[in-house]
Protein backbone atom coordinates (compact mmCIF):
# COMPACT_ATOMS: atom_id res chain seq x y z
CA UNK A 1 0.00 0.00 0.00
CA UNK A 2 1.34 3.42 -0.96
CA UNK A 3 1.87 5.92 1.86
CA UNK A 4 -0.70 8.74 1.85
CA UNK A 5 1.05 12.13 1.93
CA UNK A 6 0.98 15.63 0.49
CA UNK A 7 3.97 17.37 -1.06
CA UNK A 8 4.18 21.13 -1.31
CA UNK A 9 6.11 24.33 -0.76
CA UNK A 10 6.87 25.16 2.88
CA UNK A 11 5.22 28.34 4.14
CA UNK A 12 8.20 29.66 6.11
CA UNK A 13 11.19 28.30 4.19
CA UNK A 14 12.21 28.12 0.57
CA UNK A 15 11.98 24.33 0.67
CA UNK A 16 9.46 21.64 -0.08
CA UNK A 17 7.95 19.38 2.53
CA UNK A 18 6.03 16.13 2.55
CA UNK A 19 3.42 15.55 5.25
CA UNK A 20 1.37 12.47 6.02
CA UNK A 21 -2.38 12.98 5.66
CA UNK A 22 -2.99 10.88 8.77
CA UNK A 23 -1.02 11.64 11.94
CA UNK A 24 1.56 8.84 12.22
CA UNK A 25 4.99 8.41 13.79
CA UNK A 26 8.06 7.36 11.82
CA UNK A 27 10.50 4.73 13.05
CA UNK A 28 13.76 6.66 12.76
CA UNK A 29 15.82 3.56 13.59
CA UNK A 30 14.40 1.66 10.59
CA UNK A 31 15.01 4.66 8.34
CA UNK A 32 18.55 5.07 9.69
CA UNK A 33 19.35 1.46 8.77
CA UNK A 34 18.27 1.91 5.12
CA UNK A 35 19.59 5.37 4.16
CA UNK A 36 22.82 7.38 4.43
CA UNK A 37 22.61 9.49 7.60
CA UNK A 38 24.37 12.87 7.80
CA UNK A 39 23.03 13.86 11.23
CA UNK A 40 21.09 11.97 13.87
CA UNK A 41 19.21 13.36 16.89
CA UNK A 42 16.53 11.69 19.03
CA UNK A 43 13.74 13.50 17.16
CA UNK A 44 15.02 13.79 13.58
CA UNK A 45 17.45 12.50 10.98
CA UNK A 46 19.19 14.32 8.15
CA UNK A 47 19.62 11.93 5.23
CA UNK A 48 21.48 12.10 1.96
CA UNK A 49 19.38 10.30 -0.67
CA UNK A 50 20.31 10.58 -4.35
CA UNK A 51 22.28 13.79 -3.64
CA UNK A 52 19.30 15.40 -1.89
CA UNK A 53 19.37 16.31 1.80
CA UNK A 54 16.16 15.23 3.50
CA UNK A 55 15.27 16.19 7.07
CA UNK A 56 13.09 13.44 8.52
CA UNK A 57 11.06 14.36 11.61
CA UNK A 58 9.81 11.60 13.90
CA UNK A 59 6.29 13.06 13.72
CA UNK A 60 6.20 12.38 9.97
CA UNK A 61 7.26 15.52 8.12
CA UNK A 62 10.02 15.42 5.50
CA UNK A 63 11.85 18.59 4.42
CA UNK A 64 13.85 18.68 1.18
CA UNK A 65 16.86 20.98 1.06
CA UNK A 66 18.08 22.41 -2.25
CA UNK A 67 15.73 20.39 -4.44
CA UNK A 68 12.93 21.47 -6.73
CA UNK A 69 12.46 18.27 -8.73
CA UNK A 70 8.89 17.44 -7.73
CA UNK A 71 8.84 13.88 -9.09
CA UNK A 72 12.16 13.06 -7.37
CA UNK A 73 10.85 14.39 -4.04
CA UNK A 74 7.67 12.38 -4.47
CA UNK A 75 9.65 9.20 -5.13
CA UNK A 76 12.01 9.81 -2.17
CA UNK A 77 9.03 10.50 0.11
CA UNK A 78 7.46 7.19 -0.89
CA UNK A 79 10.73 5.34 -0.23
CA UNK A 80 11.25 6.92 3.21
CA UNK A 81 7.63 6.54 4.32
CA UNK A 82 7.52 2.94 3.09
CA UNK A 83 10.50 2.09 5.30
CA UNK A 84 9.64 4.24 8.31
CA UNK A 85 5.92 4.09 8.98
CA UNK A 86 5.54 2.46 12.41
CA UNK A 87 2.08 0.98 12.10
CA UNK A 88 2.58 -0.26 8.56
CA UNK A 89 1.30 -3.78 8.01
CA UNK A 90 4.32 -6.03 7.42
C-alpha atoms as a PDB file:
ATOM      1  CA  UNK A   1       0.000   0.000   0.000  1.00  0.00           C
ATOM      2  CA  UNK A   2       1.344   3.417  -0.956  1.00  0.00           C
ATOM      3  CA  UNK A   3       1.874   5.924   1.864  1.00  0.00           C
ATOM      4  CA  UNK A   4      -0.701   8.740   1.855  1.00  0.00           C
ATOM      5  CA  UNK A   5       1.047  12.126   1.932  1.00  0.00           C
ATOM      6  CA  UNK A   6       0.984  15.633   0.495  1.00  0.00           C
ATOM      7  CA  UNK A   7       3.971  17.373  -1.064  1.00  0.00           C
ATOM      8  CA  UNK A   8       4.177  21.133  -1.315  1.00  0.00           C
ATOM      9  CA  UNK A   9       6.113  24.330  -0.758  1.00  0.00           C
ATOM     10  CA  UNK A  10       6.870  25.159   2.877  1.00  0.00           C
ATOM     11  CA  UNK A  11       5.216  28.342   4.139  1.00  0.00           C
ATOM     12  CA  UNK A  12       8.200  29.662   6.106  1.00  0.00           C
ATOM     13  CA  UNK A  13      11.188  28.303   4.194  1.00  0.00           C
ATOM     14  CA  UNK A  14      12.206  28.124   0.567  1.00  0.00           C
ATOM     15  CA  UNK A  15      11.982  24.332   0.670  1.00  0.00           C
ATOM     16  CA  UNK A  16       9.462  21.636  -0.084  1.00  0.00           C
ATOM     17  CA  UNK A  17       7.946  19.382   2.525  1.00  0.00           C
ATOM     18  CA  UNK A  18       6.028  16.128   2.552  1.00  0.00           C
ATOM     19  CA  UNK A  19       3.420  15.547   5.247  1.00  0.00           C
ATOM     20  CA  UNK A  20       1.372  12.473   6.018  1.00  0.00           C
ATOM     21  CA  UNK A  21      -2.376  12.984   5.655  1.00  0.00           C
ATOM     22  CA  UNK A  22      -2.986  10.884   8.768  1.00  0.00           C
ATOM     23  CA  UNK A  23      -1.016  11.638  11.937  1.00  0.00           C
ATOM     24  CA  UNK A  24       1.560   8.845  12.225  1.00  0.00           C
ATOM     25  CA  UNK A  25       4.992   8.406  13.789  1.00  0.00           C
ATOM     26  CA  UNK A  26       8.062   7.361  11.820  1.00  0.00           C
ATOM     27  CA  UNK A  27      10.499   4.726  13.051  1.00  0.00           C
ATOM     28  CA  UNK A  28      13.761   6.656  12.759  1.00  0.00           C
ATOM     29  CA  UNK A  29      15.822   3.560  13.588  1.00  0.00           C
ATOM     30  CA  UNK A  30      14.395   1.661  10.593  1.00  0.00           C
ATOM     31  CA  UNK A  31      15.008   4.663   8.342  1.00  0.00           C
ATOM     32  CA  UNK A  32      18.554   5.075   9.686  1.00  0.00           C
ATOM     33  CA  UNK A  33      19.345   1.458   8.770  1.00  0.00           C
ATOM     34  CA  UNK A  34      18.272   1.913   5.123  1.00  0.00           C
ATOM     35  CA  UNK A  35      19.589   5.369   4.164  1.00  0.00           C
ATOM     36  CA  UNK A  36      22.822   7.381   4.426  1.00  0.00           C
ATOM     37  CA  UNK A  37      22.612   9.492   7.603  1.00  0.00           C
ATOM     38  CA  UNK A  38      24.370  12.868   7.797  1.00  0.00           C
ATOM     39  CA  UNK A  39      23.035  13.856  11.229  1.00  0.00           C
ATOM     40  CA  UNK A  40      21.086  11.974  13.875  1.00  0.00           C
ATOM     41  CA  UNK A  41      19.210  13.356  16.889  1.00  0.00           C
ATOM     42  CA  UNK A  42      16.527  11.688  19.033  1.00  0.00           C
ATOM     43  CA  UNK A  43      13.738  13.495  17.158  1.00  0.00           C
ATOM     44  CA  UNK A  44      15.015  13.791  13.583  1.00  0.00           C
ATOM     45  CA  UNK A  45      17.454  12.505  10.982  1.00  0.00           C
ATOM     46  CA  UNK A  46      19.186  14.321   8.151  1.00  0.00           C
ATOM     47  CA  UNK A  47      19.616  11.925   5.234  1.00  0.00           C
ATOM     48  CA  UNK A  48      21.481  12.096   1.958  1.00  0.00           C
ATOM     49  CA  UNK A  49      19.376  10.305  -0.667  1.00  0.00           C
ATOM     50  CA  UNK A  50      20.308  10.582  -4.346  1.00  0.00           C
ATOM     51  CA  UNK A  51      22.281  13.791  -3.643  1.00  0.00           C
ATOM     52  CA  UNK A  52      19.295  15.400  -1.893  1.00  0.00           C
ATOM     53  CA  UNK A  53      19.368  16.311   1.805  1.00  0.00           C
ATOM     54  CA  UNK A  54      16.163  15.227   3.497  1.00  0.00           C
ATOM     55  CA  UNK A  55      15.273  16.193   7.067  1.00  0.00           C
ATOM     56  CA  UNK A  56      13.092  13.436   8.521  1.00  0.00           C
ATOM     57  CA  UNK A  57      11.059  14.357  11.609  1.00  0.00           C
ATOM     58  CA  UNK A  58       9.812  11.599  13.904  1.00  0.00           C
ATOM     59  CA  UNK A  59       6.285  13.058  13.717  1.00  0.00           C
ATOM     60  CA  UNK A  60       6.196  12.377   9.974  1.00  0.00           C
ATOM     61  CA  UNK A  61       7.255  15.517   8.119  1.00  0.00           C
ATOM     62  CA  UNK A  62      10.025  15.421   5.500  1.00  0.00           C
ATOM     63  CA  UNK A  63      11.849  18.593   4.415  1.00  0.00           C
ATOM     64  CA  UNK A  64      13.848  18.677   1.183  1.00  0.00           C
ATOM     65  CA  UNK A  65      16.865  20.979   1.061  1.00  0.00           C
ATOM     66  CA  UNK A  66      18.076  22.406  -2.253  1.00  0.00           C
ATOM     67  CA  UNK A  67      15.731  20.390  -4.435  1.00  0.00           C
ATOM     68  CA  UNK A  68      12.928  21.474  -6.733  1.00  0.00           C
ATOM     69  CA  UNK A  69      12.462  18.273  -8.726  1.00  0.00           C
ATOM     70  CA  UNK A  70       8.888  17.441  -7.732  1.00  0.00           C
ATOM     71  CA  UNK A  71       8.838  13.882  -9.092  1.00  0.00           C
ATOM     72  CA  UNK A  72      12.155  13.058  -7.374  1.00  0.00           C
ATOM     73  CA  UNK A  73      10.851  14.392  -4.038  1.00  0.00           C
ATOM     74  CA  UNK A  74       7.667  12.382  -4.473  1.00  0.00           C
ATOM     75  CA  UNK A  75       9.652   9.199  -5.125  1.00  0.00           C
ATOM     76  CA  UNK A  76      12.007   9.814  -2.172  1.00  0.00           C
ATOM     77  CA  UNK A  77       9.030  10.505   0.111  1.00  0.00           C
ATOM     78  CA  UNK A  78       7.465   7.191  -0.889  1.00  0.00           C
ATOM     79  CA  UNK A  79      10.729   5.344  -0.226  1.00  0.00           C
ATOM     80  CA  UNK A  80      11.250   6.922   3.208  1.00  0.00           C
ATOM     81  CA  UNK A  81       7.628   6.541   4.318  1.00  0.00           C
ATOM     82  CA  UNK A  82       7.522   2.936   3.087  1.00  0.00           C
ATOM     83  CA  UNK A  83      10.499   2.092   5.304  1.00  0.00           C
ATOM     84  CA  UNK A  84       9.640   4.239   8.307  1.00  0.00           C
ATOM     85  CA  UNK A  85       5.917   4.090   8.984  1.00  0.00           C
ATOM     86  CA  UNK A  86       5.541   2.460  12.406  1.00  0.00           C
ATOM     87  CA  UNK A  87       2.076   0.983  12.099  1.00  0.00           C
ATOM     88  CA  UNK A  88       2.582  -0.263   8.560  1.00  0.00           C
ATOM     89  CA  UNK A  89       1.305  -3.778   8.008  1.00  0.00           C
ATOM     90  CA  UNK A  90       4.319  -6.030   7.415  1.00  0.00           C
END
